[in-house]
Amino acid sequence: MSQLKKLVNDKALWDSFCAELDVRLDRVHKTMEQSDSAETLFRLQGQTAALRSLKTLRAEVNADG
């Protein structure tokens, strides 16, 4: 867990990580808009949920210890 604490508590690193998550979320949302398959849409919704959950990592890691 100490490696995660380094990530979430280093402001510059955390901000870069969140910016990358935002880029990936934007990409997934654009793909969702163009999707014509329910299966693809469900998969992309899962990706969105996973990326959004990573944005809460700071609170989860710092709450544990």
N, C-alpha and C. Protein backbone atom coordinates (compact mmCIF):
# COMPACT_ATOMS: atom_id res chain seq x y z
N MET A 1 0.82 -1.20 0.00
CA MET A 1 0.00 0.00 0.00
C MET A 1 0.86 1.26 0.00
N SER A 2 2.12 1.17 0.45
CA SER A 2 2.95 2.36 0.52
C SER A 2 3.21 2.96 -0.86
N GLN A 3 3.29 2.13 -1.90
CA GLN A 3 3.48 2.65 -3.24
C GLN A 3 2.27 3.48 -3.68
N LEU A 4 1.09 3.04 -3.29
CA LEU A 4 -0.11 3.80 -3.63
C LEU A 4 -0.13 5.13 -2.88
N LYS A 5 0.30 5.12 -1.63
CA LYS A 5 0.34 6.36 -0.85
C LYS A 5 1.27 7.37 -1.52
N LYS A 6 2.38 6.89 -2.08
CA LYS A 6 3.29 7.79 -2.79
C LYS A 6 2.58 8.44 -3.98
N LEU A 7 1.82 7.65 -4.70
CA LEU A 7 1.09 8.18 -5.87
C LEU A 7 0.05 9.19 -5.45
N VAL A 8 -0.79 8.84 -4.51
CA VAL A 8 -1.93 9.70 -4.19
C VAL A 8 -1.55 10.94 -3.38
N ASN A 9 -0.42 10.91 -2.71
CA ASN A 9 -0.03 12.05 -1.88
C ASN A 9 1.02 12.96 -2.53
N ASP A 10 1.48 12.61 -3.71
CA ASP A 10 2.36 13.49 -4.48
C ASP A 10 1.46 14.28 -5.42
N LYS A 11 1.25 15.56 -5.08
CA LYS A 11 0.25 16.36 -5.80
C LYS A 11 0.49 16.40 -7.31
N ALA A 12 1.72 16.64 -7.72
CA ALA A 12 2.02 16.73 -9.16
C ALA A 12 1.75 15.39 -9.85
N LEU A 13 2.18 14.31 -9.22
CA LEU A 13 1.97 12.99 -9.79
C LEU A 13 0.48 12.65 -9.83
N TRP A 14 -0.22 12.93 -8.76
CA TRP A 14 -1.66 12.65 -8.69
C TRP A 14 -2.43 13.46 -9.74
N ASP A 15 -2.07 14.73 -9.88
CA ASP A 15 -2.74 15.58 -10.87
C ASP A 15 -2.50 15.04 -12.29
N SER A 16 -1.29 14.58 -12.56
CA SER A 16 -0.98 14.00 -13.87
C SER A 16 -1.79 12.72 -14.10
N PHE A 17 -1.89 11.91 -13.07
CA PHE A 17 -2.65 10.67 -13.14
C PHE A 17 -4.12 10.98 -13.43
N CYS A 18 -4.69 11.95 -12.72
CA CYS A 18 -6.10 12.33 -12.93
C CYS A 18 -6.31 12.91 -14.32
N ALA A 19 -5.34 13.66 -14.81
CA ALA A 19 -5.45 14.21 -16.17
C ALA A 19 -5.47 13.08 -17.19
N GLU A 20 -4.65 12.07 -16.99
CA GLU A 20 -4.66 10.92 -17.89
C GLU A 20 -5.99 10.17 -17.82
N LEU A 21 -6.54 10.04 -16.62
CA LEU A 21 -7.85 9.40 -16.48
C LEU A 21 -8.92 10.19 -17.23
N ASP A 22 -8.85 11.52 -17.15
CA ASP A 22 -9.81 12.37 -17.86
C ASP A 22 -9.71 12.19 -19.37
N VAL A 23 -8.48 12.10 -19.87
CA VAL A 23 -8.28 11.89 -21.31
C VAL A 23 -8.91 10.56 -21.73
N ARG A 24 -8.67 9.54 -20.92
CA ARG A 24 -9.22 8.22 -21.25
C ARG A 24 -10.74 8.20 -21.14
N LEU A 25 -11.29 8.91 -20.15
CA LEU A 25 -12.75 9.00 -20.03
C LEU A 25 -13.35 9.71 -21.24
N ASP A 26 -12.72 10.77 -21.68
CA ASP A 26 -13.21 11.48 -22.87
C ASP A 26 -13.21 10.56 -24.08
N ARG A 27 -12.15 9.78 -24.23
CA ARG A 27 -12.04 8.85 -25.36
C ARG A 27 -13.14 7.79 -25.30
N VAL A 28 -13.40 7.27 -24.11
CA VAL A 28 -14.45 6.26 -23.96
C VAL A 28 -15.82 6.87 -24.26
N HIS A 29 -16.05 8.09 -23.79
CA HIS A 29 -17.34 8.74 -24.04
C HIS A 29 -17.57 8.98 -25.52
N LYS A 30 -16.53 9.39 -26.24
CA LYS A 30 -16.66 9.59 -27.68
C LYS A 30 -16.98 8.28 -28.38
N THR A 31 -16.34 7.22 -27.94
CA THR A 31 -16.61 5.90 -28.53
C THR A 31 -18.03 5.47 -28.22
N MET A 32 -18.51 5.76 -27.00
CA MET A 32 -19.88 5.41 -26.64
C MET A 32 -20.88 6.13 -27.54
N GLU A 33 -20.61 7.39 -27.84
CA GLU A 33 -21.50 8.16 -28.70
C GLU A 33 -21.62 7.56 -30.09
N GLN A 34 -20.57 6.91 -30.54
CA GLN A 34 -20.54 6.35 -31.89
C GLN A 34 -20.92 4.87 -31.92
N SER A 35 -21.14 4.29 -30.77
CA SER A 35 -21.42 2.86 -30.70
C SER A 35 -22.81 2.53 -31.23
N ASP A 36 -22.89 1.42 -31.96
CA ASP A 36 -24.18 0.98 -32.45
C ASP A 36 -24.51 -0.43 -31.96
N SER A 37 -23.72 -0.89 -31.00
CA SER A 37 -23.90 -2.24 -30.47
C SER A 37 -24.13 -2.17 -28.96
N ALA A 38 -25.15 -2.85 -28.50
CA ALA A 38 -25.44 -2.88 -27.06
C ALA A 38 -24.28 -3.51 -26.30
N GLU A 39 -23.70 -4.55 -26.85
CA GLU A 39 -22.58 -5.22 -26.18
C GLU A 39 -21.39 -4.27 -26.01
N THR A 40 -21.09 -3.52 -27.05
CA THR A 40 -19.99 -2.55 -26.99
C THR A 40 -20.31 -1.46 -25.98
N LEU A 41 -21.55 -1.01 -25.97
CA LEU A 41 -21.96 0.03 -25.03
C LEU A 41 -21.80 -0.44 -23.59
N PHE A 42 -22.19 -1.66 -23.30
CA PHE A 42 -22.05 -2.21 -21.94
C PHE A 42 -20.59 -2.31 -21.54
N ARG A 43 -19.73 -2.72 -22.48
CA ARG A 43 -18.30 -2.83 -22.21
C ARG A 43 -17.72 -1.45 -21.91
N LEU A 44 -18.12 -0.46 -22.68
CA LEU A 44 -17.63 0.90 -22.48
C LEU A 44 -18.14 1.50 -21.17
N GLN A 45 -19.36 1.13 -20.79
CA GLN A 45 -19.87 1.58 -19.50
C GLN A 45 -19.02 1.01 -18.36
N GLY A 46 -18.58 -0.22 -18.51
CA GLY A 46 -17.70 -0.83 -17.52
C GLY A 46 -16.36 -0.12 -17.45
N GLN A 47 -15.83 0.26 -18.60
CA GLN A 47 -14.57 1.01 -18.62
C GLN A 47 -14.73 2.35 -17.92
N THR A 48 -15.85 3.01 -18.16
CA THR A 48 -16.12 4.29 -17.52
C THR A 48 -16.18 4.13 -16.00
N ALA A 49 -16.86 3.11 -15.55
CA ALA A 49 -16.97 2.87 -14.11
C ALA A 49 -15.59 2.60 -13.50
N ALA A 50 -14.77 1.82 -14.19
CA ALA A 50 -13.43 1.51 -13.68
C ALA A 50 -12.56 2.76 -13.61
N LEU A 51 -12.60 3.58 -14.65
CA LEU A 51 -11.80 4.80 -14.66
C LEU A 51 -12.26 5.77 -13.57
N ARG A 52 -13.56 5.89 -13.41
CA ARG A 52 -14.08 6.78 -12.36
C ARG A 52 -13.71 6.28 -10.97
N SER A 53 -13.68 4.98 -10.78
CA SER A 53 -13.32 4.44 -9.47
C SER A 53 -11.86 4.74 -9.13
N LEU A 54 -11.01 4.81 -10.15
CA LEU A 54 -9.61 5.15 -9.92
C LEU A 54 -9.46 6.59 -9.41
N LYS A 55 -10.41 7.45 -9.76
CA LYS A 55 -10.35 8.83 -9.29
C LYS A 55 -10.64 8.94 -7.79
N THR A 56 -11.22 7.91 -7.20
CA THR A 56 -11.49 7.91 -5.76
C THR A 56 -10.39 7.21 -4.97
N LEU A 57 -9.35 6.80 -5.67
CA LEU A 57 -8.26 6.06 -5.04
C LEU A 57 -7.61 6.82 -3.90
N ARG A 58 -7.43 8.11 -4.06
CA ARG A 58 -6.78 8.94 -3.02
C ARG A 58 -7.54 8.82 -1.70
N ALA A 59 -8.84 8.99 -1.73
CA ALA A 59 -9.63 8.92 -0.51
C ALA A 59 -9.60 7.53 0.10
N GLU A 60 -9.65 6.51 -0.74
CA GLU A 60 -9.64 5.14 -0.24
C GLU A 60 -8.30 4.78 0.41
N VAL A 61 -7.21 5.16 -0.23
CA VAL A 61 -5.89 4.83 0.29
C VAL A 61 -5.63 5.59 1.59
N ASN A 62 -5.96 6.85 1.61
CA ASN A 62 -5.71 7.66 2.82
C ASN A 62 -6.66 7.32 3.97
N ALA A 63 -7.81 6.76 3.67
CA ALA A 63 -8.75 6.37 4.72
C ALA A 63 -8.28 5.12 5.46
N ASP A 64 -7.47 4.31 4.78
CA ASP A 64 -7.02 3.06 5.38
C ASP A 64 -5.94 3.25 6.42
N GLY A 65 -5.29 4.34 6.41
CA GLY A 65 -4.19 4.37 7.33
C GLY A 65 -3.85 5.65 7.90
